Protein backbone atom coordinates (compact mmCIF):
# COMPACT_ATOMS: atom_id res chain seq x y z
CA UNK A 1 32.74 3.45 55.92
CA UNK A 2 29.82 1.03 55.82
CA UNK A 3 30.30 -1.67 53.20
CA UNK A 4 28.42 -2.23 50.00
CA UNK A 5 26.16 -5.17 50.81
CA UNK A 6 25.49 -7.67 48.02
CA UNK A 7 22.70 -10.22 48.48
CA UNK A 8 23.35 -13.47 46.61
CA UNK A 9 26.42 -15.24 45.25
CA UNK A 10 25.22 -16.00 41.73
CA UNK A 11 26.89 -14.70 38.58
CA UNK A 12 25.64 -11.11 38.92
CA UNK A 13 26.50 -10.89 42.60
CA UNK A 14 30.04 -12.24 42.46
CA UNK A 15 31.09 -10.21 39.42
CA UNK A 16 29.63 -7.00 40.83
CA UNK A 17 31.44 -7.73 44.07
CA UNK A 18 34.74 -8.44 42.33
CA UNK A 19 34.50 -5.19 40.38
CA UNK A 20 34.06 -3.24 43.63
CA UNK A 21 36.85 -5.12 45.38
CA UNK A 22 39.27 -4.32 42.57
CA UNK A 23 38.48 -0.63 43.16
CA UNK A 24 39.31 -1.01 46.85
CA UNK A 25 35.72 -0.74 48.09
CA UNK A 26 34.56 -2.79 51.09
CA UNK A 27 32.00 -5.45 50.19
CA UNK A 28 29.90 -7.71 52.39
CA UNK A 29 28.09 -10.58 50.68
CA UNK A 30 25.01 -12.04 52.38
CA UNK A 31 24.15 -15.54 51.26
CA UNK A 32 22.43 -18.72 52.37
CA UNK A 33 25.28 -20.48 50.60
CA UNK A 34 24.43 -24.17 50.54
CA UNK A 35 27.33 -26.29 49.29
CA UNK A 36 27.51 -29.75 47.74
CA UNK A 37 29.92 -32.64 47.60
CA UNK A 38 33.49 -32.34 46.41
CA UNK A 39 34.12 -34.20 43.11
CA UNK A 40 35.03 -37.83 43.74
CA UNK A 41 37.90 -39.67 42.00
CA UNK A 42 39.03 -36.47 40.23
CA UNK A 43 41.34 -38.23 37.77
CA UNK A 44 38.65 -40.53 36.40
CA UNK A 45 36.51 -39.98 33.32
CA UNK A 46 32.75 -40.50 33.37
CA UNK A 47 33.29 -44.10 32.26
CA UNK A 48 35.98 -44.50 34.92
CA UNK A 49 33.55 -43.34 37.60
CA UNK A 50 31.04 -46.00 36.59
CA UNK A 51 33.73 -48.67 36.82
CA UNK A 52 35.53 -47.57 39.96
CA UNK A 53 33.00 -46.03 42.33
CA UNK A 54 31.99 -48.40 45.14
CA UNK A 55 28.31 -47.52 44.53
CA UNK A 56 27.86 -45.88 41.11
CA UNK A 57 24.07 -46.16 41.29
CA UNK A 58 23.97 -44.01 44.42
CA UNK A 59 26.31 -41.44 42.85
CA UNK A 60 24.57 -41.16 39.49
CA UNK A 61 20.92 -41.78 40.39
CA UNK A 62 20.65 -41.44 44.15
CA UNK A 63 19.77 -43.97 46.82
CA UNK A 64 16.06 -43.58 45.97
CA UNK A 65 16.62 -43.18 42.22
CA UNK A 66 15.51 -39.54 42.47
CA UNK A 67 17.57 -38.56 39.40
CA UNK A 68 15.95 -41.17 37.17
CA UNK A 69 13.35 -39.73 34.78
CA UNK A 70 11.27 -42.40 33.08
CA UNK A 71 9.61 -41.99 29.64
CA UNK A 72 6.11 -40.59 29.82
CA UNK A 73 6.55 -39.10 33.26
CA UNK A 74 4.64 -35.86 33.73
CA UNK A 75 6.44 -32.71 34.78
CA UNK A 76 10.18 -32.24 34.43
CA UNK A 77 11.92 -34.26 31.72
CA UNK A 78 15.40 -33.31 32.91
CA UNK A 79 16.87 -34.20 36.29
CA UNK A 80 20.06 -33.30 38.12
CA UNK A 81 22.36 -35.80 39.81
CA UNK A 82 22.60 -36.16 43.60
CA UNK A 83 25.88 -34.20 43.60
CA UNK A 84 23.85 -31.11 42.66
CA UNK A 85 21.00 -31.58 45.14
CA UNK A 86 22.13 -28.57 47.15
CA UNK A 87 21.43 -26.21 44.25
CA UNK A 88 17.67 -26.61 44.66
CA UNK A 89 17.55 -27.12 48.41
CA UNK A 90 14.89 -24.79 49.81
CA UNK A 91 14.24 -22.94 53.05
CA UNK A 92 10.98 -22.50 54.91
CA UNK A 93 10.95 -18.75 54.20
CA UNK A 94 10.99 -19.42 50.45
CA UNK A 95 7.61 -21.12 50.10
CA UNK A 96 5.70 -20.15 46.97
CA UNK A 97 2.52 -20.82 45.05
CA UNK A 98 2.62 -21.13 41.28
CA UNK A 99 0.01 -21.70 38.60
CA UNK A 100 1.12 -22.79 35.15
CA UNK A 101 4.86 -22.48 35.69
CA UNK A 102 7.58 -23.86 37.93
CA UNK A 103 9.73 -21.07 39.41
CA UNK A 104 13.45 -21.75 39.62
CA UNK A 105 15.60 -20.24 42.33
CA UNK A 106 18.59 -21.32 44.34
CA UNK A 107 20.19 -20.76 47.72
CA UNK A 108 23.40 -22.52 46.68
CA UNK A 109 26.82 -20.93 46.86
CA UNK A 110 27.11 -19.76 43.25
CA UNK A 111 23.36 -19.83 42.57
CA UNK A 112 21.55 -21.50 39.70
CA UNK A 113 24.61 -21.28 37.45
CA UNK A 114 26.18 -24.06 39.51
CA UNK A 115 24.14 -26.34 37.23
CA UNK A 116 24.24 -24.34 33.99
CA UNK A 117 25.63 -25.72 30.74
CA UNK A 118 27.88 -22.74 30.05
CA UNK A 119 26.33 -21.09 26.99
CA UNK A 120 27.78 -17.57 26.52
CA UNK A 121 26.08 -15.74 23.66
CA UNK A 122 26.17 -11.92 23.56
CA UNK A 123 23.22 -9.73 22.63
CA UNK A 124 23.52 -8.02 19.25
CA UNK A 125 22.03 -4.70 18.12
CA UNK A 126 18.74 -6.37 17.16
CA UNK A 127 18.36 -7.76 20.68
CA UNK A 128 19.13 -4.36 22.19
CA UNK A 129 17.09 -2.14 19.89
CA UNK A 130 14.76 -1.00 22.70
CA UNK A 131 17.62 -0.27 25.11
CA UNK A 132 19.51 3.05 25.42
CA UNK A 133 22.75 1.35 24.34
CA UNK A 134 23.90 -1.00 21.61
CA UNK A 135 26.34 -3.89 21.36
CA UNK A 136 29.35 -1.58 21.10
CA UNK A 137 28.56 -0.25 24.57
CA UNK A 138 28.61 -3.75 26.04
CA UNK A 139 31.51 -5.21 24.04
CA UNK A 140 34.30 -4.16 26.44
CA UNK A 141 32.48 -5.86 29.31
CA UNK A 142 31.69 -9.01 27.34
CA UNK A 143 35.41 -9.18 26.61
CA UNK A 144 36.37 -8.55 30.24
CA UNK A 145 34.08 -11.29 31.54
CA UNK A 146 35.24 -13.72 28.82
CA UNK A 147 38.86 -13.16 29.84
CA UNK A 148 37.93 -13.54 33.50
CA UNK A 149 35.86 -16.74 33.34
CA UNK A 150 37.20 -18.35 30.16
CA UNK A 151 34.93 -18.67 27.13
CA UNK A 152 35.79 -20.90 24.17
CA UNK A 153 34.56 -20.42 20.61
CA UNK A 154 35.58 -19.39 17.12
CA UNK A 155 34.70 -17.05 14.25
CA UNK A 156 32.13 -18.81 12.08
CA UNK A 157 28.68 -18.32 10.57
CA UNK A 158 27.14 -17.59 13.97
CA UNK A 159 28.99 -14.27 14.15
CA UNK A 160 26.16 -12.63 12.20
CA UNK A 161 23.87 -13.31 15.17
CA UNK A 162 26.32 -13.58 18.06
CA UNK A 163 29.13 -10.99 17.71
CA UNK A 164 32.64 -12.26 18.40
CA UNK A 165 34.22 -10.12 21.11
CA UNK A 166 37.74 -10.27 22.48
CA UNK A 167 38.89 -12.72 25.14
CA UNK A 168 37.66 -15.90 23.44
CA UNK A 169 39.80 -19.03 23.80
CA UNK A 170 40.12 -21.61 21.02
CA UNK A 171 36.99 -23.69 20.48
CA UNK A 172 36.69 -27.10 22.09
CA UNK A 173 37.08 -30.13 19.85
CA UNK A 174 33.69 -31.43 18.66
CA UNK A 175 32.72 -35.04 19.20
CA UNK A 176 32.20 -37.35 16.21
CA UNK A 177 28.49 -36.59 15.86
CA UNK A 178 28.99 -32.81 16.01
CA UNK A 179 31.91 -32.98 13.56
CA UNK A 180 29.78 -34.97 11.10
CA UNK A 181 26.95 -32.45 11.42
CA UNK A 182 29.29 -29.51 10.81
CA UNK A 183 30.79 -31.26 7.79
CA UNK A 184 27.33 -31.85 6.33
CA UNK A 185 26.44 -28.21 6.95
CA UNK A 186 29.61 -27.06 5.20
CA UNK A 187 28.71 -29.09 2.10
CA UNK A 188 25.22 -27.53 1.94
CA UNK A 189 26.16 -24.16 3.42
CA UNK A 190 25.27 -21.92 0.47
CA UNK A 191 21.84 -23.48 0.02
CA UNK A 192 21.05 -23.45 3.74
CA UNK A 193 22.10 -19.81 4.10
CA UNK A 194 20.38 -18.56 0.97
CA UNK A 195 17.16 -20.56 0.89
CA UNK A 196 16.45 -21.29 4.54
CA UNK A 197 18.36 -18.62 6.42
CA UNK A 198 19.97 -21.44 8.39
CA UNK A 199 23.40 -20.90 9.91
CA UNK A 200 25.43 -23.22 12.05
CA UNK A 201 28.62 -22.90 14.06
CA UNK A 202 30.55 -23.99 17.11
CA UNK A 203 29.15 -23.52 20.59
CA UNK A 204 30.45 -20.61 22.64
CA UNK A 205 30.70 -21.94 26.16
CA UNK A 206 32.32 -21.04 29.46
CA UNK A 207 34.65 -24.02 29.30
CA UNK A 208 38.38 -23.37 29.01
CA UNK A 209 40.45 -24.96 26.28
CA UNK A 210 43.68 -23.79 27.93
CA UNK A 211 44.62 -23.44 31.60
CA UNK A 212 43.41 -20.26 33.26
CA UNK A 213 43.99 -18.81 36.73
CA UNK A 214 44.60 -22.14 38.46
CA UNK A 215 41.92 -24.00 36.49
CA UNK A 216 42.82 -26.82 34.11
CA UNK A 217 41.77 -27.02 30.47
CA UNK A 218 38.95 -29.36 29.52
CA UNK A 219 40.08 -32.96 29.05
CA UNK A 220 36.72 -34.17 27.67
CA UNK A 221 36.07 -36.44 30.66
CA UNK A 222 32.30 -36.07 30.30
CA UNK A 223 31.79 -35.04 33.93
CA UNK A 224 30.31 -31.56 33.33
CA UNK A 225 26.87 -32.28 34.79
CA UNK A 226 28.20 -34.03 37.91
CA UNK A 227 30.79 -31.37 38.72
CA UNK A 228 34.02 -30.86 36.81
CA UNK A 229 36.99 -31.82 39.03
CA UNK A 230 39.31 -29.69 36.86
CA UNK A 231 36.99 -26.66 37.13
CA UNK A 232 37.16 -26.33 33.35
CA UNK A 233 33.45 -25.48 33.25
CA UNK A 234 33.00 -22.10 34.91
CA UNK A 235 30.62 -21.67 37.82
CA UNK A 236 30.15 -18.49 39.91
CA UNK A 237 31.52 -20.19 43.03
CA UNK A 238 34.93 -19.95 41.33
CA UNK A 239 34.70 -16.15 41.32
CA UNK A 240 33.40 -16.21 44.89
CA UNK A 241 36.59 -18.02 45.90
CA UNK A 242 38.58 -15.21 44.31
CA UNK A 243 36.53 -12.56 46.12
CA UNK A 244 37.31 -14.26 49.41
CA UNK A 245 41.03 -13.65 48.90
CA UNK A 246 40.51 -9.86 49.20
CA UNK A 247 41.06 -8.18 52.56
CA UNK A 248 38.06 -5.90 51.95
CA UNK A 249 35.57 -8.74 51.38
CA UNK A 250 33.35 -10.31 54.02
CA UNK A 251 31.26 -13.37 53.25
CA UNK A 252 28.31 -13.91 55.60
CA UNK A 253 26.90 -17.34 54.89
CA UNK A 254 23.89 -19.06 56.43
CA UNK A 255 21.83 -15.87 56.27
CA UNK A 256 18.49 -15.47 54.49
CA UNK A 257 18.01 -11.82 53.44
CA UNK A 258 14.41 -10.89 54.23
CA UNK A 259 14.00 -7.13 53.88
CA UNK A 260 15.82 -3.82 54.08
CA UNK A 261 15.10 -0.88 56.38
CA UNK A 262 14.99 2.78 55.35
CA UNK A 263 15.47 6.00 57.30
CA UNK A 264 13.08 8.97 57.34
CA UNK A 265 14.48 10.26 54.04
CA UNK A 266 13.84 6.98 52.24
CA UNK A 267 17.48 5.90 52.07
CA UNK A 268 18.24 2.23 52.67
CA UNK A 269 20.30 1.96 55.85
CA UNK A 270 20.35 -1.71 56.84
CA UNK A 271 19.45 -5.24 55.80
CA UNK A 272 17.53 -7.66 58.02
CA UNK A 273 18.52 -11.29 57.52
CA UNK A 274 17.37 -14.47 59.24
CA UNK A 275 19.89 -16.89 60.73
CA UNK A 276 19.50 -20.66 60.58
CA UNK A 277 17.89 -20.67 64.05
CA UNK A 278 15.35 -18.01 63.09
CA UNK A 279 16.95 -14.99 64.73
CA UNK A 280 17.24 -11.67 62.91
CA UNK A 281 20.62 -10.13 62.18
CA UNK A 282 20.73 -6.46 61.19
CA UNK A 283 23.54 -5.44 58.83
CA UNK A 284 24.35 -1.72 58.38
CA UNK A 285 25.23 -0.62 54.87
CA UNK A 286 26.01 2.31 52.62
CA UNK A 287 24.63 0.71 49.46
CA UNK A 288 22.56 -2.41 48.83
CA UNK A 289 22.75 -4.58 45.73
CA UNK A 290 20.03 -7.20 45.28
CA UNK A 291 21.54 -10.05 43.26
CA UNK A 292 19.33 -12.82 44.62
CA UNK A 293 17.79 -13.74 41.28
CA UNK A 294 14.60 -12.33 39.78
CA UNK A 295 12.30 -14.02 42.30
CA UNK A 296 14.47 -13.57 45.37
CA UNK A 297 15.28 -9.92 44.66
CA UNK A 298 11.64 -9.09 43.91
CA UNK A 299 10.54 -10.72 47.16
CA UNK A 300 13.04 -8.72 49.22
CA UNK A 301 12.04 -5.47 47.53
CA UNK A 302 8.28 -6.01 47.83
CA UNK A 303 8.53 -7.21 51.44
CA UNK A 304 10.55 -4.10 52.31
CA UNK A 305 8.11 -1.69 50.67
CA UNK A 306 5.17 -3.44 52.31
CA UNK A 307 6.76 -3.09 55.74
CA UNK A 308 7.33 0.62 55.14
CA UNK A 309 3.96 1.49 53.61
CA UNK A 310 1.59 -1.26 54.76
């Protein structure tokens, strides 16, 4: 039986793959799969890193200060540290032209969510009113994913907009500023709700407040952006690691998926992917899942149709 081929190791790709693996289906994942540095001094807090690293400037800002964004600078106002450089590393095949927007895509192992901030807010019925299903149809899967990756939160005033599904761990402790803001909101809650329609609550984030599946609970070290050494903040590469423990999973890294090929009946039969040295590797398949992000998946699809139809 030819495997199900999944292109991309981001959140959609790894969770689709894991679902298939749990059903005993063979899965091959095709991925460029760039990786970054392992977390340094894992027992240190953010402050401890600044004090104990031999070259903290290089770690936090880069040897050329690439992660330093000065006031008034045009373009991006938010930069990522050198430890996350691999997330936005490009390939020659991925050149693009853009006018008026800056497209984001990633060839990293785990995809763009390797640098996300963990917000996990479900759609409610208002969000889904134009879809053929409502929140109740998604709730079991929101709960499943929350139990799988670890989402912290609590029942508060945000429930009216963001339904509270099962599988939520206890909320993280707020810092002093957040606690003061919540206290002020509580004092003025009735007025804010009634007159301004303003509601406030605790963040729902993919950060564990208790140990889960070999990952350690958040210890408030402040190292989220640089890479959590405890893996408290969920990233898709964690699920990819789990996929790689299955006998029926094959991970093909270093491959850039370019297009798929169809037979005379229009069924997709193989995927053509470029190796690092520019050669083409053909991968037979029974089913193809494009999980390479909106831009990457669209490019593969359009390139494939163009090759078939001209």
